[in-house]
């Protein structure tokens, strides 16, 4: 049997490749569709497209944020002598010494340490980064984070499945109560209609008894909740079947909640009985709680 998936989840992981370190973070909350927001370095060509491809292959619904923090370790970067800058510095030093001699000034000799300390003579080596290999390592690591993310959503889904089935069981119980209450009131309702018919006949002149009887029969049909009971039963069975199917059934369950609500509203409007009204209101409360939980289903 397939398992229900929640849209709520979180996962993170750290990784490294050569001189780079990174942290992946995935967060998911409820959403009507799959709304994917990616925060990743834009200097790695094709990285965002690969992230989107990997995520959409595993997820169908939810507002999902993918955050990649990538940094390079400074200690792993070598220093390089900037030959052009050194040549410029040495030429400038020679000109300075020449002008100083012309003016009879004696300058202290410069050491190699003095020259190296000048800005630009030594700089960090701009080592060529193998972006393709780095991207491959990042995406491989993302797959493990996605797996952890999906496992958390599955665990949330398993707990959600229990909650949904509990609400459906209670709804089914209330539907049975409504049916029993409606059956129990039938003799009383029939007697009330017959008494009403007799009062009309006794107090009115030249009345068409068959027409009055037809109108009363129509009222009785309008007050009958058999159709609503049958539909609610069918909706409960359909909801349980969707839960058994698992996976991406959130949209279908959401639509079914509208049908549940419609029948419960009609039942309440037809009740004409305080006990049946109480059951109808309890039924609506359970359906509303069920609808709130269904919003979490992928």
Foldseek 3Di string as FASTA:
>chain_A
DAFFFFQFFKFKDWDDDQQKIKMKIKGWFFDPWEAEAEADDPVLPCLVVLLVVLQVVQDTGTDMYIYMDMDGHPVNWDKDFDVVVLVVVVVVVVVVCVVCVVVPHDDDDDDPVNSCPDPPRIDTDPDDDPSVVVSVVVSVVVNVRSVNGRVRRRVVRVVLLVVLLVLLVVLLVLLVVLVVVLVVCVVVLVVVLVVVLVVCVVPDPPDDSVVSVVVSVVLVVLLDLVVLSVVSVVLSVVVVVLNVVHDQCLVVNLVSLVVQQVSLVSQCVSPPDPVSVVSSVVSNVSSVVSNVSSSRTD
